[in-house]
């Protein structure tokens, strides 16, 4: 089987595309478990750091984490 240069480039592009697709699915699926328990912060909003506020905001609603993972 002889592959032309065009065939090799097409195979390479498809392989890279599938790697990106699989990585995006893994990243999106990780959002479902990433924010569990993060809302248990005993501080007021003014006392939180930016990172703590972000974690508390994202973990407030399970449906928000699912939507975020879907996008």
Protein backbone atom coordinates (compact mmCIF):
# COMPACT_ATOMS: atom_id res chain seq x y z
CA UNK A 1 0.00 0.00 0.00
CA UNK A 2 1.54 3.26 -1.16
CA UNK A 3 0.44 6.41 0.59
CA UNK A 4 0.91 9.73 -1.07
CA UNK A 5 2.06 12.78 0.82
CA UNK A 6 -1.53 14.08 0.77
CA UNK A 7 -2.78 10.83 2.34
CA UNK A 8 -0.15 11.01 5.09
CA UNK A 9 -1.06 14.62 5.90
CA UNK A 10 -4.76 13.72 6.03
CA UNK A 11 -4.08 10.79 8.39
CA UNK A 12 -1.96 13.05 10.60
CA UNK A 13 -4.64 15.77 10.71
CA UNK A 14 -7.33 13.22 11.58
CA UNK A 15 -5.19 11.72 14.35
CA UNK A 16 -4.54 15.14 15.89
CA UNK A 17 -8.25 15.99 15.63
CA UNK A 18 -9.25 12.81 17.48
CA UNK A 19 -6.66 13.44 20.19
CA UNK A 20 -8.13 16.92 20.75
CA UNK A 21 -11.70 15.57 20.76
CA UNK A 22 -10.88 12.89 23.33
CA UNK A 23 -9.00 15.38 25.51
CA UNK A 24 -11.96 17.77 25.44
CA UNK A 25 -14.37 14.99 26.46
CA UNK A 26 -12.10 14.02 29.36
CA UNK A 27 -11.77 17.66 30.45
CA UNK A 28 -15.54 18.23 30.22
CA UNK A 29 -16.29 15.02 32.10
CA UNK A 30 -13.87 16.03 34.82
CA UNK A 31 -16.01 19.08 35.54
CA UNK A 32 -18.68 16.76 36.97
CA UNK A 33 -16.44 15.72 39.86
CA UNK A 34 -14.03 18.64 40.01
CA UNK A 35 -16.25 21.00 42.00
CA UNK A 36 -17.72 18.51 44.53
CA UNK A 37 -17.44 19.85 48.08
CA UNK A 38 -15.83 23.12 47.10
CA UNK A 39 -18.74 25.23 48.35
CA UNK A 40 -17.94 24.41 51.98
CA UNK A 41 -16.13 27.70 52.61
CA UNK A 42 -16.86 29.45 55.91
CA UNK A 43 -15.91 32.96 54.81
CA UNK A 44 -17.78 35.98 53.59
CA UNK A 45 -17.31 37.04 50.00
CA UNK A 46 -15.10 39.99 50.99
CA UNK A 47 -12.74 37.63 52.90
CA UNK A 48 -12.31 35.17 50.03
CA UNK A 49 -9.47 35.16 47.57
CA UNK A 50 -10.34 35.17 43.90
CA UNK A 51 -9.66 31.44 43.64
CA UNK A 52 -11.86 30.58 46.64
CA UNK A 53 -14.67 32.70 45.23
CA UNK A 54 -14.41 30.99 41.86
CA UNK A 55 -14.53 27.50 43.42
CA UNK A 56 -17.48 28.43 45.63
CA UNK A 57 -19.34 29.91 42.64
CA UNK A 58 -18.75 26.95 40.36
CA UNK A 59 -19.64 24.35 43.00
CA UNK A 60 -22.86 26.07 44.09
CA UNK A 61 -24.95 24.31 41.47
CA UNK A 62 -24.38 20.82 40.05
CA UNK A 63 -26.30 21.76 36.90
CA UNK A 64 -23.91 24.70 36.36
CA UNK A 65 -20.91 22.35 36.52
CA UNK A 66 -22.61 20.01 34.03
CA UNK A 67 -23.36 22.91 31.68
CA UNK A 68 -19.79 24.16 32.01
CA UNK A 69 -18.45 20.70 31.23
CA UNK A 70 -20.76 20.42 28.23
CA UNK A 71 -19.47 23.61 26.73
